Each structure stands twice: as C-alpha cells, then as structure tokens.
C-alpha cells in the first residue's frame, strides 16, 4: 500500500479507540465506528446497490488548542477556525471566493443524477 500520509505531506497519529490513524495537521479529528450500513433506494431496481449510507457513532473528538475557545474545554472559537466547505462541488472557506480547485467540480453533473430525475419530469 502506498504511503498516503507521506504523499500528502501529512503526519499520522495513533488513534485511541479505532485502528485507523488520525492526521496530526487536522484541527478537528473524530474517531468513529460503523454502527450500520443502509442501502439507499433499495426498492428501485435501477438504483439498488448504487448508493450506500454508513451510520457511524463518534467515540472521541480531538481539537487543536489554537482553535479552542478561551477558558473552555469543549467549545470551538469560530473566529479561530476556518474549515473547508464544499458547496456545489467547489471548495470554499469563510470568504466569498473559491479557495481551492476541486476535481469533483470537473465531473459532469449528469453522472450524479439517479433515474428519479428523469421520472420526475
């Protein structure tokens, strides 16, 4: 298996409750386990097996001190954290323009459409 952390320039950190490592550079990390797996649109032959939803249970949350609200142990300071947000396949921060190119945005939207779109017309 390729060294995904090394290739991305990231540092693996051992997790406490799951086998997979966390990313040291990530300001917020969650350790979770899969509780259930649900097929979506299982009643539709054309869509059955095409989309699977994973229900997870978060077991532990890690937060870098520099984004923690002063004087608290369980609050994020919204002025200190700038999360990356995906909106319509493009990546944004908390400013109006796109902050990073998205390869997902290059995929034609029709590839994401299920047969329900055509049936609804």
N, C-alpha and C. Protein backbone atom coordinates (compact mmCIF):
# COMPACT_ATOMS: atom_id res chain seq x y z
N UNK A 1 0.84 -1.18 0.00
CA UNK A 1 0.00 0.00 0.00
C UNK A 1 0.89 1.25 0.00
N UNK A 2 0.51 2.23 -0.75
CA UNK A 2 1.26 3.48 -0.84
C UNK A 2 1.20 4.24 0.48
N UNK A 3 2.23 5.03 0.75
CA UNK A 3 2.26 5.86 1.95
C UNK A 3 1.42 7.11 1.69
N UNK A 4 0.12 7.02 1.98
CA UNK A 4 -0.80 8.12 1.71
C UNK A 4 -0.44 9.36 2.53
N UNK A 5 -0.06 9.17 3.77
CA UNK A 5 0.30 10.30 4.62
C UNK A 5 1.53 11.01 4.05
N UNK A 6 2.58 10.24 3.72
CA UNK A 6 3.80 10.82 3.18
C UNK A 6 3.55 11.54 1.87
N UNK A 7 2.76 10.93 1.00
CA UNK A 7 2.47 11.54 -0.29
C UNK A 7 1.74 12.88 -0.13
N UNK A 8 0.86 12.95 0.86
CA UNK A 8 0.09 14.18 1.10
C UNK A 8 0.86 15.17 1.98
N UNK A 9 2.01 14.77 2.51
CA UNK A 9 2.77 15.65 3.38
C UNK A 9 2.14 15.80 4.75
N UNK A 10 1.46 14.74 5.21
CA UNK A 10 0.76 14.77 6.49
C UNK A 10 1.41 13.79 7.46
N UNK A 11 1.10 13.95 8.74
CA UNK A 11 1.69 13.14 9.79
C UNK A 11 0.63 12.24 10.43
N UNK A 12 0.84 10.90 10.41
CA UNK A 12 -0.12 10.03 11.09
C UNK A 12 0.06 10.07 12.60
N UNK A 13 -1.05 10.02 13.32
CA UNK A 13 -1.06 9.99 14.78
C UNK A 13 -1.91 8.79 15.19
N UNK A 14 -1.42 7.96 16.11
CA UNK A 14 -2.24 6.80 16.53
C UNK A 14 -3.56 7.25 17.15
N UNK A 15 -4.62 6.55 16.79
CA UNK A 15 -5.92 6.82 17.40
C UNK A 15 -6.00 6.12 18.74
N UNK A 16 -6.99 6.49 19.52
CA UNK A 16 -7.15 5.89 20.85
C UNK A 16 -8.22 4.82 20.90
N UNK A 17 -9.24 4.91 20.01
CA UNK A 17 -10.36 3.96 20.10
C UNK A 17 -10.59 3.16 18.83
N UNK A 18 -9.89 3.49 17.75
CA UNK A 18 -10.03 2.78 16.47
C UNK A 18 -8.64 2.49 15.92
N UNK A 19 -8.56 1.60 14.94
CA UNK A 19 -7.26 1.20 14.38
C UNK A 19 -6.67 2.24 13.43
N UNK A 20 -7.52 2.93 12.67
CA UNK A 20 -7.02 3.89 11.68
C UNK A 20 -6.37 5.09 12.36
N UNK A 21 -5.23 5.57 11.81
CA UNK A 21 -4.59 6.74 12.40
C UNK A 21 -5.35 8.03 12.07
N UNK A 22 -5.09 9.05 12.89
CA UNK A 22 -5.62 10.39 12.64
C UNK A 22 -4.55 11.21 11.91
N UNK A 23 -4.91 12.42 11.49
CA UNK A 23 -3.98 13.32 10.82
C UNK A 23 -3.60 14.42 11.81
N UNK A 24 -2.32 14.51 12.14
CA UNK A 24 -1.85 15.49 13.14
C UNK A 24 -2.19 16.92 12.74
N UNK A 25 -2.13 17.22 11.45
CA UNK A 25 -2.35 18.59 10.99
C UNK A 25 -3.82 18.99 10.95
N UNK A 26 -4.73 18.07 11.11
CA UNK A 26 -6.16 18.36 11.05
C UNK A 26 -6.60 18.98 12.39
N UNK A 27 -7.15 20.20 12.38
CA UNK A 27 -7.51 20.87 13.63
C UNK A 27 -8.62 20.19 14.42
N UNK A 28 -9.49 19.44 13.73
CA UNK A 28 -10.55 18.70 14.41
C UNK A 28 -10.56 17.28 13.83
N UNK A 29 -10.46 16.30 14.71
CA UNK A 29 -10.49 14.90 14.28
C UNK A 29 -11.52 14.15 15.10
N UNK A 30 -12.19 13.20 14.46
CA UNK A 30 -13.17 12.37 15.16
C UNK A 30 -12.85 10.91 14.93
N UNK A 31 -12.89 10.13 15.98
CA UNK A 31 -12.77 8.68 15.86
C UNK A 31 -14.19 8.13 15.91
N UNK A 32 -14.51 7.28 14.94
CA UNK A 32 -15.88 6.76 14.87
C UNK A 32 -15.86 5.30 14.44
N UNK A 33 -16.93 4.58 14.77
CA UNK A 33 -17.11 3.20 14.33
C UNK A 33 -18.42 3.12 13.55
N UNK A 34 -18.46 2.19 12.61
CA UNK A 34 -19.67 1.99 11.81
C UNK A 34 -20.69 1.25 12.66
N UNK A 35 -21.87 1.85 12.80
CA UNK A 35 -22.97 1.24 13.55
C UNK A 35 -23.88 0.42 12.63
N UNK A 36 -24.09 0.94 11.42
CA UNK A 36 -24.98 0.25 10.48
C UNK A 36 -24.67 0.72 9.07
N UNK A 37 -25.04 -0.13 8.10
CA UNK A 37 -24.90 0.20 6.69
C UNK A 37 -26.29 0.09 6.08
N UNK A 38 -26.70 1.14 5.37
CA UNK A 38 -28.03 1.18 4.79
C UNK A 38 -27.94 1.38 3.28
N UNK A 39 -28.64 0.54 2.53
CA UNK A 39 -28.75 0.75 1.10
C UNK A 39 -29.78 1.83 0.85
N UNK A 40 -29.50 2.72 -0.09
CA UNK A 40 -30.42 3.79 -0.43
C UNK A 40 -31.16 3.41 -1.71
N UNK A 41 -32.45 3.67 -1.78
CA UNK A 41 -33.28 3.37 -2.95
C UNK A 41 -33.30 1.88 -3.26
N UNK A 42 -33.31 1.05 -2.23
CA UNK A 42 -33.30 -0.40 -2.42
C UNK A 42 -34.56 -0.92 -3.11
N UNK A 43 -35.64 -0.14 -3.08
CA UNK A 43 -36.89 -0.54 -3.72
C UNK A 43 -36.88 -0.28 -5.23
N UNK A 44 -35.84 0.32 -5.75
CA UNK A 44 -35.75 0.68 -7.17
C UNK A 44 -34.65 -0.15 -7.82
N UNK A 45 -35.02 -1.02 -8.74
CA UNK A 45 -34.08 -1.91 -9.40
C UNK A 45 -32.92 -1.16 -10.05
N UNK A 46 -33.20 0.00 -10.64
CA UNK A 46 -32.16 0.76 -11.34
C UNK A 46 -31.14 1.37 -10.38
N UNK A 47 -31.55 1.63 -9.14
CA UNK A 47 -30.65 2.29 -8.19
C UNK A 47 -30.10 1.35 -7.12
N UNK A 48 -30.71 0.20 -6.96
CA UNK A 48 -30.34 -0.73 -5.89
C UNK A 48 -28.84 -1.02 -5.92
N UNK A 49 -28.21 -0.86 -4.77
CA UNK A 49 -26.79 -1.14 -4.64
C UNK A 49 -25.89 -0.01 -5.12
N UNK A 50 -26.46 1.03 -5.68
CA UNK A 50 -25.66 2.13 -6.22
C UNK A 50 -25.19 3.13 -5.18
N UNK A 51 -25.96 3.27 -4.10
CA UNK A 51 -25.59 4.21 -3.04
C UNK A 51 -25.76 3.51 -1.70
N UNK A 52 -24.74 3.62 -0.87
CA UNK A 52 -24.76 3.03 0.45
C UNK A 52 -24.50 4.13 1.46
N UNK A 53 -25.27 4.13 2.54
CA UNK A 53 -25.13 5.13 3.60
C UNK A 53 -24.55 4.43 4.83
N UNK A 54 -23.52 5.02 5.40
CA UNK A 54 -22.90 4.47 6.61
C UNK A 54 -23.33 5.30 7.81
N UNK A 55 -23.90 4.63 8.79
CA UNK A 55 -24.27 5.27 10.06
C UNK A 55 -23.11 5.04 11.02
N UNK A 56 -22.55 6.12 11.54
CA UNK A 56 -21.39 5.98 12.43
C UNK A 56 -21.69 6.54 13.81
N UNK A 57 -20.92 6.06 14.79
CA UNK A 57 -21.00 6.57 16.16
C UNK A 57 -19.64 7.17 16.48
N UNK A 58 -19.63 8.47 16.76
CA UNK A 58 -18.39 9.16 17.12
C UNK A 58 -18.04 8.77 18.55
N UNK A 59 -16.81 8.29 18.73
CA UNK A 59 -16.36 7.82 20.03
C UNK A 59 -15.44 8.82 20.74
N UNK A 60 -14.71 9.60 19.96
CA UNK A 60 -13.79 10.56 20.56
C UNK A 60 -13.57 11.71 19.58
N UNK A 61 -13.42 12.93 20.12
CA UNK A 61 -13.16 14.12 19.30
C UNK A 61 -11.88 14.76 19.81
N UNK A 62 -11.02 15.16 18.88
CA UNK A 62 -9.76 15.83 19.20
C UNK A 62 -9.77 17.21 18.56
N UNK A 63 -9.38 18.23 19.31
CA UNK A 63 -9.39 19.61 18.83
C UNK A 63 -8.05 20.26 19.17
N UNK A 64 -7.42 20.89 18.18
CA UNK A 64 -6.19 21.64 18.44
C UNK A 64 -6.48 22.80 19.39
N UNK A 65 -5.57 23.04 20.31
CA UNK A 65 -5.76 24.10 21.31
C UNK A 65 -5.96 25.47 20.68
N UNK A 66 -5.29 25.76 19.56
CA UNK A 66 -5.37 27.11 18.99
C UNK A 66 -6.74 27.46 18.42
N UNK A 67 -7.63 26.49 18.26
CA UNK A 67 -8.98 26.83 17.80
C UNK A 67 -10.03 26.64 18.90
N UNK A 68 -9.57 26.29 20.09
CA UNK A 68 -10.49 26.12 21.23
C UNK A 68 -10.82 27.50 21.80
N UNK A 69 -12.08 27.70 22.17
CA UNK A 69 -12.50 28.97 22.76
C UNK A 69 -11.80 29.13 24.12
N UNK A 70 -11.24 30.30 24.35
CA UNK A 70 -10.50 30.57 25.59
C UNK A 70 -11.35 30.26 26.82
N UNK A 71 -10.75 29.54 27.75
CA UNK A 71 -11.42 29.24 29.01
C UNK A 71 -12.39 28.08 28.95
N UNK A 72 -12.44 27.36 27.82
CA UNK A 72 -13.37 26.22 27.71
C UNK A 72 -12.61 24.96 27.33
N UNK A 73 -13.23 23.82 27.58
CA UNK A 73 -12.64 22.55 27.17
C UNK A 73 -13.45 21.89 26.06
N UNK A 74 -14.61 22.46 25.75
CA UNK A 74 -15.48 21.80 24.77
C UNK A 74 -16.15 22.76 23.80
N UNK A 75 -15.49 23.87 23.48
CA UNK A 75 -16.06 24.84 22.54
C UNK A 75 -15.01 25.23 21.51
N UNK A 76 -15.46 25.37 20.25
CA UNK A 76 -14.61 25.84 19.16
C UNK A 76 -14.81 27.34 19.01
N UNK A 77 -13.71 28.07 18.86
CA UNK A 77 -13.78 29.51 18.62
C UNK A 77 -14.01 29.72 17.12
N UNK A 78 -15.19 30.17 16.71
CA UNK A 78 -15.48 30.32 15.28
C UNK A 78 -14.60 31.36 14.59
N UNK A 79 -14.00 32.27 15.36
CA UNK A 79 -13.09 33.25 14.76
C UNK A 79 -11.70 32.67 14.55
N UNK A 80 -11.40 31.53 15.18
CA UNK A 80 -10.08 30.92 15.06
C UNK A 80 -10.03 29.78 14.06
N UNK A 81 -11.18 29.22 13.71
CA UNK A 81 -11.19 28.05 12.82
C UNK A 81 -11.77 28.43 11.47
N UNK A 82 -11.09 28.04 10.42
CA UNK A 82 -11.54 28.28 9.05
C UNK A 82 -11.68 26.95 8.33
N UNK A 83 -12.80 26.26 8.53
CA UNK A 83 -12.97 24.95 7.89
C UNK A 83 -13.14 25.08 6.37
N UNK A 84 -12.82 24.01 5.68
CA UNK A 84 -13.04 23.93 4.24
C UNK A 84 -14.45 23.40 4.04
N UNK A 85 -15.23 24.07 3.20
CA UNK A 85 -16.63 23.73 2.98
C UNK A 85 -16.85 23.45 1.51
N UNK A 86 -17.53 22.34 1.19
CA UNK A 86 -17.84 22.06 -0.21
C UNK A 86 -19.25 22.54 -0.51
N UNK A 87 -19.36 23.37 -1.53
CA UNK A 87 -20.64 23.89 -1.97
C UNK A 87 -20.73 23.69 -3.48
N UNK A 88 -21.68 22.89 -3.91
CA UNK A 88 -21.86 22.61 -5.33
C UNK A 88 -20.55 22.17 -5.97
N UNK A 89 -19.89 21.21 -5.35
CA UNK A 89 -18.67 20.58 -5.84
C UNK A 89 -17.46 21.51 -5.85
N UNK A 90 -17.54 22.65 -5.24
CA UNK A 90 -16.41 23.57 -5.17
C UNK A 90 -16.05 23.83 -3.71
N UNK A 91 -14.76 24.08 -3.45
CA UNK A 91 -14.27 24.23 -2.09
C UNK A 91 -14.14 25.70 -1.68
N UNK A 92 -14.76 26.02 -0.54
CA UNK A 92 -14.78 27.38 -0.03
C UNK A 92 -14.31 27.38 1.42
N UNK A 93 -13.88 28.55 1.87
CA UNK A 93 -13.62 28.79 3.28
C UNK A 93 -14.73 29.71 3.74
N UNK A 94 -14.39 30.61 4.64
CA UNK A 94 -15.40 31.55 5.12
C UNK A 94 -15.22 32.90 4.44
N UNK A 95 -14.98 32.86 3.15
CA UNK A 95 -14.92 34.07 2.33
C UNK A 95 -15.68 33.78 1.04
N UNK A 96 -16.06 34.78 0.28
CA UNK A 96 -16.95 34.56 -0.86
C UNK A 96 -16.37 33.80 -2.05
N UNK A 97 -15.05 33.78 -2.23
CA UNK A 97 -14.50 33.12 -3.41
C UNK A 97 -13.99 31.72 -3.10
N UNK A 98 -13.89 30.91 -4.14
CA UNK A 98 -13.39 29.55 -4.02
C UNK A 98 -11.94 29.60 -3.54
N UNK A 99 -11.58 28.72 -2.58
CA UNK A 99 -10.23 28.75 -2.02
C UNK A 99 -9.30 27.69 -2.59
N UNK A 100 -9.88 26.66 -3.22
CA UNK A 100 -9.05 25.57 -3.73
C UNK A 100 -9.79 24.90 -4.88
N UNK A 101 -9.11 24.57 -5.96
CA UNK A 101 -9.79 23.89 -7.06
C UNK A 101 -10.28 22.51 -6.62
N UNK A 102 -11.38 22.07 -7.18
CA UNK A 102 -11.97 20.78 -6.84
C UNK A 102 -12.02 19.89 -8.07
N UNK A 103 -11.46 18.70 -7.97
CA UNK A 103 -11.55 17.76 -9.10
C UNK A 103 -12.99 17.26 -9.26
N UNK A 104 -13.77 17.24 -8.17
CA UNK A 104 -15.18 16.85 -8.28
C UNK A 104 -15.95 17.80 -9.18
N UNK A 105 -15.58 19.07 -9.16
CA UNK A 105 -16.28 20.07 -9.97
C UNK A 105 -16.06 19.85 -11.46
N UNK A 106 -15.11 19.01 -11.82
CA UNK A 106 -14.83 18.73 -13.23
C UNK A 106 -15.69 17.59 -13.76
N UNK A 107 -16.37 16.86 -12.88
CA UNK A 107 -17.21 15.74 -13.29
C UNK A 107 -18.57 16.28 -13.71
N UNK A 108 -19.05 15.93 -14.91
CA UNK A 108 -20.36 16.42 -15.34
C UNK A 108 -21.46 16.01 -14.36
N UNK A 109 -22.35 16.93 -14.07
CA UNK A 109 -23.41 16.71 -13.09
C UNK A 109 -24.29 15.52 -13.45
N UNK A 110 -24.47 15.25 -14.73
CA UNK A 110 -25.35 14.15 -15.15
C UNK A 110 -24.90 12.80 -14.57
N UNK A 111 -23.61 12.67 -14.25
CA UNK A 111 -23.12 11.42 -13.67
C UNK A 111 -23.59 11.21 -12.25
N UNK A 112 -24.02 12.27 -11.59
CA UNK A 112 -24.52 12.17 -10.22
C UNK A 112 -26.03 11.95 -10.17
N UNK A 113 -26.69 12.13 -11.28
CA UNK A 113 -28.15 12.04 -11.29
C UNK A 113 -28.61 10.59 -11.33
N UNK A 114 -29.58 10.29 -10.48
CA UNK A 114 -30.19 8.98 -10.50
C UNK A 114 -31.40 8.99 -11.42
N UNK A 115 -32.01 7.84 -11.64
CA UNK A 115 -33.17 7.76 -12.52
C UNK A 115 -34.39 8.53 -12.01
N UNK A 116 -34.40 8.89 -10.75
CA UNK A 116 -35.53 9.65 -10.20
C UNK A 116 -35.68 11.01 -10.91
N UNK A 117 -34.59 11.60 -11.35
CA UNK A 117 -34.64 12.90 -12.03
C UNK A 117 -35.48 12.78 -13.31
N UNK A 118 -35.17 11.79 -14.11
CA UNK A 118 -35.93 11.62 -15.36
C UNK A 118 -37.39 11.26 -15.10
N UNK A 119 -37.65 10.44 -14.10
CA UNK A 119 -39.03 10.05 -13.77
C UNK A 119 -39.85 11.22 -13.29
N UNK A 120 -39.19 12.24 -12.74
CA UNK A 120 -39.93 13.38 -12.18
C UNK A 120 -40.28 14.42 -13.24
N UNK A 121 -39.78 14.28 -14.42
CA UNK A 121 -40.04 15.28 -15.48
C UNK A 121 -41.40 15.07 -16.12
